[in-house]
Amino acid sequence: MPPATPAGLPSTLLERRPDVRGAEALLRSANARSASRSPSSSRASGSRPPTAGARPSSTRSRAVPQHLEHGGSIVGPLFSGGRLIGGYKAARADWEASRAAYEQTTLVAFQEVSDALIAIDRLRVVHDELARAVVALGDAYRLARLRFVDGLASYFEVLEAQQELFPAELALAASSATA
């Protein structure tokens, strides 16, 4: 029989399952995609107005406010804002789907590990009961044989005790083989 399951083992089993690892990797990649498409990170990669310390190339440009000096610096992000927000929403929906898939995978994994541990415990109980039955039936067989040798019983009792003992021994051996 396998040894008793130590506390905390189901969590360790779940961490090593390939389906849980795969779902976790998908969730991490979706999280990275969602973070890279957030409006704040997209704004940072767009065109920026020049820094305050930049030197104007002519005296005429000093009269123009610095944020209007490069015409597309404000208008560019405004026109691409819908695309940026749409990309972010798509990445966010992808992340939500990955999160739901991860949660479903972990729930299924918890259920499978729980079912396996319960089956092992039940098998252990059945094995112990069969072992006790084999001991009791073995004692009954030995007593029947002693009674026959002493002339207190017929050989029929010995055969009957054997017919009860052998199937119990076979069942015990089968339960040991499945463990």
Protein backbone atom coordinates (compact mmCIF):
# COMPACT_ATOMS: atom_id res chain seq x y z
CA MET A 1 0.00 0.00 0.00
CA PRO A 2 1.21 3.54 -0.66
CA PRO A 3 2.25 5.51 2.40
CA ALA A 4 -0.20 7.88 4.03
CA THR A 5 -0.60 11.19 2.23
CA PRO A 6 1.21 13.96 4.11
CA ALA A 7 -0.46 17.32 4.67
CA GLY A 8 0.18 19.83 1.89
CA LEU A 9 0.83 17.21 -0.77
CA PRO A 10 -2.21 18.07 -2.93
CA SER A 11 -0.91 21.62 -3.38
CA THR A 12 2.50 20.26 -4.37
CA LEU A 13 0.85 17.89 -6.83
CA LEU A 14 -1.08 20.75 -8.40
CA GLU A 15 2.05 22.85 -8.88
CA ARG A 16 3.64 20.06 -10.92
CA ARG A 17 0.68 19.31 -13.18
CA PRO A 18 1.37 20.24 -16.82
CA ASP A 19 -2.17 21.49 -17.44
CA VAL A 20 -1.97 23.91 -14.50
CA ARG A 21 1.50 25.07 -15.57
CA GLY A 22 0.27 25.66 -19.12
CA ALA A 23 -2.77 27.63 -17.98
CA GLU A 24 -0.57 29.68 -15.67
CA ALA A 25 1.83 30.46 -18.53
CA LEU A 26 -1.09 31.55 -20.74
CA LEU A 27 -2.37 33.80 -17.96
CA ARG A 28 1.08 35.37 -17.53
CA SER A 29 1.42 36.05 -21.26
CA ALA A 30 -2.09 37.53 -21.39
CA ASN A 31 -1.20 39.69 -18.41
CA ALA A 32 1.92 40.93 -20.20
CA ARG A 33 -0.06 41.66 -23.37
CA SER A 34 -2.69 43.53 -21.37
CA ALA A 35 -0.05 45.59 -19.59
CA SER A 36 1.74 46.42 -22.83
CA ARG A 37 -1.49 47.64 -24.43
CA SER A 38 -2.71 49.74 -21.55
CA PRO A 39 -3.42 53.36 -22.53
CA SER A 40 -0.69 54.67 -20.21
CA SER A 41 2.02 52.51 -21.84
CA SER A 42 0.74 53.31 -25.34
CA ARG A 43 0.78 57.01 -24.59
CA ALA A 44 4.38 56.70 -23.49
CA SER A 45 5.39 55.16 -26.79
CA GLY A 46 3.58 57.81 -28.89
CA SER A 47 5.08 61.10 -30.03
CA ARG A 48 5.94 63.52 -27.27
CA PRO A 49 6.39 67.22 -27.24
CA PRO A 50 10.02 68.28 -27.03
CA THR A 51 11.49 68.82 -23.61
CA ALA A 52 11.43 72.24 -22.02
CA GLY A 53 15.19 72.61 -22.37
CA ALA A 54 15.19 72.20 -26.16
CA ARG A 55 16.62 75.12 -28.09
CA PRO A 56 14.38 76.62 -30.76
CA SER A 57 15.89 76.75 -34.23
CA SER A 58 14.73 80.28 -35.02
CA THR A 59 13.37 83.34 -33.31
CA ARG A 60 9.99 82.79 -34.96
CA SER A 61 9.55 79.46 -33.21
CA ARG A 62 9.93 81.18 -29.85
CA ALA A 63 6.61 82.89 -30.44
CA VAL A 64 4.88 79.52 -31.03
CA PRO A 65 4.12 77.59 -27.84
CA GLN A 66 6.44 74.69 -27.50
CA HIS A 67 3.68 72.05 -27.41
CA LEU A 68 2.40 73.28 -30.79
CA GLU A 69 5.84 73.41 -32.37
CA HIS A 70 5.54 69.81 -33.62
CA GLY A 71 2.10 69.68 -35.17
CA GLY A 72 1.43 65.95 -34.72
CA SER A 73 2.48 65.69 -31.11
CA ILE A 74 -1.02 66.36 -29.73
CA VAL A 75 -3.20 65.37 -32.65
CA GLY A 76 -1.48 62.01 -33.28
CA PRO A 77 -2.47 60.35 -30.00
CA LEU A 78 -6.00 61.79 -30.24
CA PHE A 79 -6.70 60.14 -33.58
CA SER A 80 -5.11 56.87 -32.60
CA GLY A 81 -6.81 56.83 -29.19
CA GLY A 82 -9.69 54.68 -30.42
CA ARG A 83 -7.25 52.13 -31.78
CA LEU A 84 -5.27 52.19 -28.55
CA ILE A 85 -8.36 51.78 -26.39
CA GLY A 86 -9.68 49.02 -28.65
CA GLY A 87 -6.37 47.18 -28.42
CA TYR A 88 -6.39 47.55 -24.66
CA LYS A 89 -9.97 46.27 -24.40
CA ALA A 90 -9.08 43.29 -26.60
CA ALA A 91 -6.03 42.52 -24.48
CA ARG A 92 -8.13 42.90 -21.33
CA ALA A 93 -10.78 40.51 -22.71
CA ASP A 94 -8.00 38.06 -23.62
CA TRP A 95 -6.70 38.34 -20.05
CA GLU A 96 -10.18 37.73 -18.61
CA ALA A 97 -10.57 34.64 -20.81
CA SER A 98 -7.13 33.36 -19.76
CA ARG A 99 -7.97 33.99 -16.11
CA ALA A 100 -11.25 32.08 -16.44
CA ALA A 101 -9.45 29.21 -18.19
CA TYR A 102 -6.81 29.16 -15.44
CA GLU A 103 -9.47 29.08 -12.73
CA GLN A 104 -11.32 26.28 -14.51
CA THR A 105 -8.11 24.29 -14.96
CA THR A 106 -7.17 24.64 -11.30
CA LEU A 107 -10.68 23.67 -10.17
CA VAL A 108 -10.57 20.55 -12.35
CA ALA A 109 -7.07 19.77 -11.06
CA PHE A 110 -8.19 20.16 -7.43
CA GLN A 111 -11.15 17.87 -8.10
CA GLU A 112 -8.99 15.21 -9.78
CA VAL A 113 -6.38 15.26 -7.01
CA SER A 114 -9.11 15.14 -4.37
CA ASP A 115 -10.79 12.21 -6.12
CA ALA A 116 -7.47 10.36 -6.37
CA LEU A 117 -6.68 10.90 -2.69
CA ILE A 118 -10.15 9.74 -1.67
CA ALA A 119 -9.79 6.65 -3.87
CA ILE A 120 -6.44 5.85 -2.25
CA ASP A 121 -7.97 6.21 1.22
CA ARG A 122 -10.88 3.95 0.26
CA LEU A 123 -8.50 1.40 -1.23
CA ARG A 124 -6.49 1.45 2.00
CA VAL A 125 -9.67 0.81 4.04
CA VAL A 126 -10.72 -2.05 1.76
CA HIS A 127 -7.21 -3.53 1.90
CA ASP A 128 -7.17 -3.39 5.70
CA GLU A 129 -10.60 -5.05 5.92
CA LEU A 130 -9.52 -7.78 3.51
CA ALA A 131 -6.33 -8.35 5.52
CA ARG A 132 -8.39 -8.75 8.72
CA ALA A 133 -10.75 -11.14 6.91
CA VAL A 134 -7.85 -13.25 5.64
CA VAL A 135 -6.40 -13.48 9.16
CA ALA A 136 -9.78 -14.50 10.60
CA LEU A 137 -10.48 -17.03 7.83
CA GLY A 138 -6.94 -18.41 8.17
CA ASP A 139 -7.55 -18.95 11.88
CA ALA A 140 -10.87 -20.66 11.08
CA TYR A 141 -9.11 -22.96 8.56
CA ARG A 142 -6.38 -23.89 11.05
CA LEU A 143 -8.97 -24.61 13.74
CA ALA A 144 -11.03 -26.74 11.33
CA ARG A 145 -7.92 -28.71 10.37
CA LEU A 146 -6.95 -29.22 14.06
CA ARG A 147 -10.47 -30.38 14.83
CA PHE A 148 -10.29 -32.81 11.90
CA VAL A 149 -6.89 -34.16 13.06
CA ASP A 150 -8.25 -34.63 16.59
CA GLY A 151 -11.30 -36.38 15.18
CA LEU A 152 -13.78 -33.75 16.32
CA ALA A 153 -14.90 -32.64 12.84
CA SER A 154 -15.31 -34.03 9.34
CA TYR A 155 -13.13 -33.13 6.40
CA PHE A 156 -16.09 -31.24 4.99
CA GLU A 157 -15.50 -28.45 7.56
CA VAL A 158 -11.84 -28.20 6.47
CA LEU A 159 -12.86 -27.92 2.80
CA GLU A 160 -15.51 -25.35 3.63
CA ALA A 161 -12.95 -23.23 5.54
CA GLN A 162 -10.54 -23.47 2.59
CA GLN A 163 -13.27 -22.41 0.16
CA GLU A 164 -13.83 -19.26 2.21
CA LEU A 165 -10.11 -18.54 2.77
CA PHE A 166 -8.79 -18.80 -0.80
CA PRO A 167 -11.13 -16.20 -2.41
CA ALA A 168 -10.35 -13.79 0.44
CA GLU A 169 -6.62 -14.28 -0.16
CA LEU A 170 -7.10 -13.68 -3.88
CA ALA A 171 -9.07 -10.49 -3.19
CA LEU A 172 -6.34 -9.28 -0.83
CA ALA A 173 -3.68 -9.97 -3.46
CA ALA A 174 -5.75 -8.13 -6.10
CA SER A 175 -6.18 -5.10 -3.82
CA SER A 176 -2.43 -5.07 -3.17
CA ALA A 177 -1.73 -5.20 -6.91
CA THR A 178 -3.95 -2.19 -7.65
CA ALA A 179 -2.22 -0.10 -5.01
